[in-house]
Amino acid sequence: MSQHSEEEKKLKQEIAEEGEHVFSPESLMKKSFTVNIIKEAMRLHPPAWAIDRQALEDDSFKEYSWKKGTLIILYIAGLHRNPKYWEQPDSFIPERFDSENAKNFAYYPFGAGPRLCIGEHFAMMEMALIIRKFYNSYTFTSFQKELQKKALVTLRAVSLRGKIIKNRD
């Protein structure tokens, strides 16, 4: 957010406009700019950067085929930045999730289908709560231009250097 001052202003305005309901479950779960920020951040930096499955039997899809036991890997981080599916794929544009067509994007931070993360809604509400709590009182100024990541089981930041500043009332 520290590199996107207009988006930060818009977030703080939304927090102020929500007033006493800003931290209610209804406010946290509804379609909002806060949720758009989370979705865009997870598109650019998905914690689950790859998903693997093992073929239970010989199978095929379009011109591809594979044998039973083949390990199939869906590269989520690459899909989330693929210019075939995303306009300006490396840019932070939370408004892209305003569209009614947003659900048709190649976007899988929580997986999909029968293996969809059971904690998706809880995680989204928790992230919205933390973001609103933080930006209600503070601002973060990053000293880094790019976030360096390390791919382990999840994709993690190597470091994040910056300064937390208390808002003036």
C-alpha atoms as a PDB file:
ATOM      1  CA  MET A   1       0.000   0.000   0.000  1.00  0.00           C
ATOM      2  CA  SER A   2       2.872   2.373   0.723  1.00  0.00           C
ATOM      3  CA  GLN A   3       3.704   2.416  -2.994  1.00  0.00           C
ATOM      4  CA  HIS A   4       0.082   3.103  -3.948  1.00  0.00           C
ATOM      5  CA  SER A   5      -0.961   6.305  -2.188  1.00  0.00           C
ATOM      6  CA  GLU A   6      -4.246   6.729  -4.099  1.00  0.00           C
ATOM      7  CA  GLU A   7      -5.372   3.236  -3.155  1.00  0.00           C
ATOM      8  CA  GLU A   8      -4.350   3.852   0.465  1.00  0.00           C
ATOM      9  CA  LYS A   9      -6.423   7.081   0.538  1.00  0.00           C
ATOM     10  CA  LYS A  10      -9.386   5.221  -0.927  1.00  0.00           C
ATOM     11  CA  LEU A  11      -9.030   2.475   1.717  1.00  0.00           C
ATOM     12  CA  LYS A  12      -8.867   5.006   4.564  1.00  0.00           C
ATOM     13  CA  GLN A  13     -11.910   6.809   3.141  1.00  0.00           C
ATOM     14  CA  GLU A  14     -13.839   3.528   3.062  1.00  0.00           C
ATOM     15  CA  ILE A  15     -12.846   2.819   6.679  1.00  0.00           C
ATOM     16  CA  ALA A  16     -14.062   6.291   7.739  1.00  0.00           C
ATOM     17  CA  GLU A  17     -17.340   5.949   5.792  1.00  0.00           C
ATOM     18  CA  GLU A  18     -18.134   2.586   7.394  1.00  0.00           C
ATOM     19  CA  GLY A  19     -18.124   4.377  10.760  1.00  0.00           C
ATOM     20  CA  GLU A  20     -19.130   2.264  13.752  1.00  0.00           C
ATOM     21  CA  HIS A  21     -19.865  -0.736  11.487  1.00  0.00           C
ATOM     22  CA  VAL A  22     -16.330  -0.876  10.032  1.00  0.00           C
ATOM     23  CA  PHE A  23     -15.429  -4.023  12.003  1.00  0.00           C
ATOM     24  CA  SER A  24     -18.807  -5.803  11.853  1.00  0.00           C
ATOM     25  CA  PRO A  25     -18.880  -9.195  10.106  1.00  0.00           C
ATOM     26  CA  GLU A  26     -21.357  -7.818   7.546  1.00  0.00           C
ATOM     27  CA  SER A  27     -19.058  -4.925   6.664  1.00  0.00           C
ATOM     28  CA  LEU A  28     -15.949  -7.106   6.551  1.00  0.00           C
ATOM     29  CA  MET A  29     -17.519  -9.708   4.242  1.00  0.00           C
ATOM     30  CA  LYS A  30     -19.367  -7.458   1.797  1.00  0.00           C
ATOM     31  CA  LYS A  31     -17.951  -6.454  -1.583  1.00  0.00           C
ATOM     32  CA  SER A  32     -15.666  -3.540  -0.793  1.00  0.00           C
ATOM     33  CA  PHE A  33     -12.455  -1.814  -1.718  1.00  0.00           C
ATOM     34  CA  THR A  34     -10.827  -3.577   1.256  1.00  0.00           C
ATOM     35  CA  VAL A  35     -11.725  -6.954  -0.261  1.00  0.00           C
ATOM     36  CA  ASN A  36     -10.479  -5.799  -3.682  1.00  0.00           C
ATOM     37  CA  ILE A  37      -7.121  -4.890  -2.123  1.00  0.00           C
ATOM     38  CA  ILE A  38      -6.849  -8.334  -0.534  1.00  0.00           C
ATOM     39  CA  LYS A  39      -7.759 -10.101  -3.776  1.00  0.00           C
ATOM     40  CA  GLU A  40      -5.284  -8.055  -5.790  1.00  0.00           C
ATOM     41  CA  ALA A  41      -2.519  -8.617  -3.225  1.00  0.00           C
ATOM     42  CA  MET A  42      -3.235 -12.367  -3.294  1.00  0.00           C
ATOM     43  CA  ARG A  43      -3.191 -12.307  -7.084  1.00  0.00           C
ATOM     44  CA  LEU A  44       0.247 -10.694  -7.108  1.00  0.00           C
ATOM     45  CA  HIS A  45       1.603 -12.634  -4.110  1.00  0.00           C
ATOM     46  CA  PRO A  46      -0.374 -15.874  -3.702  1.00  0.00           C
ATOM     47  CA  PRO A  47       0.614 -17.766  -0.554  1.00  0.00           C
ATOM     48  CA  ALA A  48      -0.216 -21.068  -2.288  1.00  0.00           C
ATOM     49  CA  TRP A  49       2.018 -20.434  -5.302  1.00  0.00           C
ATOM     50  CA  ALA A  50       1.547 -23.906  -6.810  1.00  0.00           C
ATOM     51  CA  ILE A  51      -0.929 -26.752  -6.398  1.00  0.00           C
ATOM     52  CA  ASP A  52      -0.094 -30.352  -7.254  1.00  0.00           C
ATOM     53  CA  ARG A  53      -2.292 -33.355  -7.925  1.00  0.00           C
ATOM     54  CA  GLN A  54      -1.506 -36.925  -8.853  1.00  0.00           C
ATOM     55  CA  ALA A  55      -3.492 -38.515 -11.675  1.00  0.00           C
ATOM     56  CA  LEU A  56      -5.604 -41.384 -10.301  1.00  0.00           C
ATOM     57  CA  GLU A  57      -5.971 -42.885 -13.768  1.00  0.00           C
ATOM     58  CA  ASP A  58      -4.903 -42.303 -17.367  1.00  0.00           C
ATOM     59  CA  ASP A  59      -6.635 -39.141 -18.556  1.00  0.00           C
ATOM     60  CA  SER A  60      -6.559 -36.357 -21.126  1.00  0.00           C
ATOM     61  CA  PHE A  61      -7.716 -32.793 -21.684  1.00  0.00           C
ATOM     62  CA  LYS A  62      -7.775 -31.235 -25.159  1.00  0.00           C
ATOM     63  CA  GLU A  63      -4.411 -32.101 -26.788  1.00  0.00           C
ATOM     64  CA  TYR A  64      -2.792 -33.150 -23.486  1.00  0.00           C
ATOM     65  CA  SER A  65      -2.724 -36.632 -22.006  1.00  0.00           C
ATOM     66  CA  TRP A  66      -1.072 -38.220 -18.996  1.00  0.00           C
ATOM     67  CA  LYS A  67      -0.679 -41.612 -17.387  1.00  0.00           C
ATOM     68  CA  LYS A  68      -1.925 -42.761 -14.009  1.00  0.00           C
ATOM     69  CA  GLY A  69       0.452 -41.569 -11.271  1.00  0.00           C
ATOM     70  CA  THR A  70       1.617 -38.473 -13.174  1.00  0.00           C
ATOM     71  CA  LEU A  71       2.195 -35.455 -10.944  1.00  0.00           C
ATOM     72  CA  ILE A  72       0.346 -32.429 -12.352  1.00  0.00           C
ATOM     73  CA  ILE A  73       1.308 -28.988 -11.053  1.00  0.00           C
ATOM     74  CA  LEU A  74      -0.792 -25.845 -11.479  1.00  0.00           C
ATOM     75  CA  TYR A  75       1.559 -22.860 -11.224  1.00  0.00           C
ATOM     76  CA  ILE A  76      -0.767 -20.373  -9.495  1.00  0.00           C
ATOM     77  CA  ALA A  77       1.806 -17.551  -9.257  1.00  0.00           C
ATOM     78  CA  GLY A  78       2.390 -17.730 -13.022  1.00  0.00           C
ATOM     79  CA  LEU A  79      -1.307 -17.984 -13.824  1.00  0.00           C
ATOM     80  CA  HIS A  80      -2.068 -14.932 -11.691  1.00  0.00           C
ATOM     81  CA  ARG A  81       0.383 -12.843 -13.760  1.00  0.00           C
ATOM     82  CA  ASN A  82      -0.309 -14.307 -17.187  1.00  0.00           C
ATOM     83  CA  PRO A  83      -0.993 -11.475 -19.700  1.00  0.00           C
ATOM     84  CA  LYS A  84      -3.355 -13.806 -21.561  1.00  0.00           C
ATOM     85  CA  TYR A  85      -5.778 -13.450 -18.626  1.00  0.00           C
ATOM     86  CA  TRP A  86      -4.730 -10.209 -16.928  1.00  0.00           C
ATOM     87  CA  GLU A  87      -4.366  -6.725 -18.364  1.00  0.00           C
ATOM     88  CA  GLN A  88      -1.239  -5.098 -16.885  1.00  0.00           C
ATOM     89  CA  PRO A  89      -0.495  -8.343 -15.002  1.00  0.00           C
ATOM     90  CA  ASP A  90       2.339  -6.959 -12.846  1.00  0.00           C
ATOM     91  CA  SER A  91       0.441  -3.831 -11.756  1.00  0.00           C
ATOM     92  CA  PHE A  92      -1.460  -3.388  -8.488  1.00  0.00           C
ATOM     93  CA  ILE A  93      -5.007  -2.546  -9.644  1.00  0.00           C
ATOM     94  CA  PRO A  94      -7.573  -3.472  -6.941  1.00  0.00           C
ATOM     95  CA  GLU A  95     -10.401  -2.063  -9.092  1.00  0.00           C
ATOM     96  CA  ARG A  96     -10.038  -4.996 -11.485  1.00  0.00           C
ATOM     97  CA  PHE A  97     -12.113  -6.968  -8.952  1.00  0.00           C
ATOM     98  CA  ASP A  98     -15.024  -4.470  -9.179  1.00  0.00           C
ATOM     99  CA  SER A  99     -16.130  -6.107 -12.411  1.00  0.00           C
ATOM    100  CA  GLU A 100     -18.943  -8.630 -12.466  1.00  0.00           C
ATOM    101  CA  ASN A 101     -16.625 -10.665 -14.699  1.00  0.00           C
ATOM    102  CA  ALA A 102     -13.983 -10.868 -11.956  1.00  0.00           C
ATOM    103  CA  LYS A 103     -15.180 -14.368 -11.061  1.00  0.00           C
ATOM    104  CA  ASN A 104     -14.200 -15.478 -14.585  1.00  0.00           C
ATOM    105  CA  PHE A 105     -10.546 -14.486 -14.165  1.00  0.00           C
ATOM    106  CA  ALA A 106      -7.816 -17.080 -13.842  1.00  0.00           C
ATOM    107  CA  TYR A 107      -7.669 -16.560 -10.073  1.00  0.00           C
ATOM    108  CA  TYR A 108      -7.142 -19.395  -7.589  1.00  0.00           C
ATOM    109  CA  PRO A 109      -5.552 -18.186  -4.315  1.00  0.00           C
ATOM    110  CA  PHE A 110      -7.667 -20.689  -2.358  1.00  0.00           C
ATOM    111  CA  GLY A 111      -7.730 -23.441  -4.964  1.00  0.00           C
ATOM    112  CA  ALA A 112     -11.007 -24.478  -6.583  1.00  0.00           C
ATOM    113  CA  GLY A 113     -13.553 -27.236  -6.912  1.00  0.00           C
ATOM    114  CA  PRO A 114     -13.781 -30.037  -4.351  1.00  0.00           C
ATOM    115  CA  ARG A 115     -10.382 -29.060  -2.893  1.00  0.00           C
ATOM    116  CA  LEU A 116     -11.312 -25.386  -2.360  1.00  0.00           C
ATOM    117  CA  CYS A 117      -9.848 -24.180   0.938  1.00  0.00           C
ATOM    118  CA  ILE A 118     -12.458 -24.652   3.646  1.00  0.00           C
ATOM    119  CA  GLY A 119     -11.107 -21.570   5.450  1.00  0.00           C
ATOM    120  CA  GLU A 120     -11.493 -19.157   2.505  1.00  0.00           C
ATOM    121  CA  HIS A 121     -14.306 -17.042   3.997  1.00  0.00           C
ATOM    122  CA  PHE A 122     -12.747 -16.956   7.461  1.00  0.00           C
ATOM    123  CA  ALA A 123      -9.361 -15.981   5.997  1.00  0.00           C
ATOM    124  CA  MET A 124     -10.918 -13.204   3.890  1.00  0.00           C
ATOM    125  CA  MET A 125     -12.777 -11.790   6.891  1.00  0.00           C
ATOM    126  CA  GLU A 126      -9.667 -12.036   9.068  1.00  0.00           C
ATOM    127  CA  MET A 127      -7.525 -10.242   6.463  1.00  0.00           C
ATOM    128  CA  ALA A 128     -10.150  -7.495   6.039  1.00  0.00           C
ATOM    129  CA  LEU A 129     -10.306  -7.029   9.817  1.00  0.00           C
ATOM    130  CA  ILE A 130      -6.511  -6.778  10.158  1.00  0.00           C
ATOM    131  CA  ILE A 131      -6.161  -4.369   7.228  1.00  0.00           C
ATOM    132  CA  ARG A 132      -8.943  -2.115   8.515  1.00  0.00           C
ATOM    133  CA  LYS A 133      -7.665  -2.217  12.106  1.00  0.00           C
ATOM    134  CA  PHE A 134      -4.149  -1.329  10.977  1.00  0.00           C
ATOM    135  CA  TYR A 135      -5.059   1.412   8.475  1.00  0.00           C
ATOM    136  CA  ASN A 136      -7.617   2.876  10.876  1.00  0.00           C
ATOM    137  CA  SER A 137      -4.715   3.917  13.130  1.00  0.00           C
ATOM    138  CA  TYR A 138      -1.478   3.552  11.162  1.00  0.00           C
ATOM    139  CA  THR A 139       0.289   3.823   7.832  1.00  0.00           C
ATOM    140  CA  PHE A 140       3.217   1.719   6.623  1.00  0.00           C
ATOM    141  CA  THR A 141       6.042   3.212   4.608  1.00  0.00           C
ATOM    142  CA  SER A 142       8.135   0.611   2.826  1.00  0.00           C
ATOM    143  CA  PHE A 143      11.844   1.146   2.270  1.00  0.00           C
ATOM    144  CA  GLN A 144      11.782  -1.459  -0.530  1.00  0.00           C
ATOM    145  CA  LYS A 145      10.576  -1.076  -4.106  1.00  0.00           C
ATOM    146  CA  GLU A 146      10.146  -4.814  -4.706  1.00  0.00           C
ATOM    147  CA  LEU A 147       9.127  -7.647  -2.431  1.00  0.00           C
ATOM    148  CA  GLN A 148      11.635 -10.489  -2.590  1.00  0.00           C
ATOM    149  CA  LYS A 149      10.013 -13.880  -2.065  1.00  0.00           C
ATOM    150  CA  LYS A 150      11.129 -17.375  -1.224  1.00  0.00           C
ATOM    151  CA  ALA A 151       9.116 -20.328  -2.525  1.00  0.00           C
ATOM    152  CA  LEU A 152       8.708 -22.916   0.217  1.00  0.00           C
ATOM    153  CA  VAL A 153       5.440 -24.786   0.822  1.00  0.00           C
ATOM    154  CA  THR A 154       3.979 -21.283   0.763  1.00  0.00           C
ATOM    155  CA  LEU A 155       5.378 -18.212  -0.952  1.00  0.00           C
ATOM    156  CA  ARG A 156       6.945 -16.013   1.735  1.00  0.00           C
ATOM    157  CA  ALA A 157       8.555 -12.594   1.845  1.00  0.00           C
ATOM    158  CA  VAL A 158      12.304 -12.776   2.491  1.00  0.00           C
ATOM    159  CA  SER A 159      12.125  -9.448   4.342  1.00  0.00           C
ATOM    160  CA  LEU A 160       9.983  -6.361   4.548  1.00  0.00           C
ATOM    161  CA  ARG A 161      11.729  -3.223   5.673  1.00  0.00           C
ATOM    162  CA  GLY A 162       9.844  -0.069   6.440  1.00  0.00           C
ATOM    163  CA  LYS A 163       8.344   2.164   9.084  1.00  0.00           C
ATOM    164  CA  ILE A 164       4.953   2.145  10.823  1.00  0.00           C
ATOM    165  CA  ILE A 165       3.556   5.642  11.370  1.00  0.00           C
ATOM    166  CA  LYS A 166       0.669   6.448  13.742  1.00  0.00           C
ATOM    167  CA  ASN A 167      -2.103   8.460  12.067  1.00  0.00           C
ATOM    168  CA  ARG A 168      -2.762  11.937  13.374  1.00  0.00           C
ATOM    169  CA  ASP A 169      -6.351  12.428  14.460  1.00  0.00           C
END
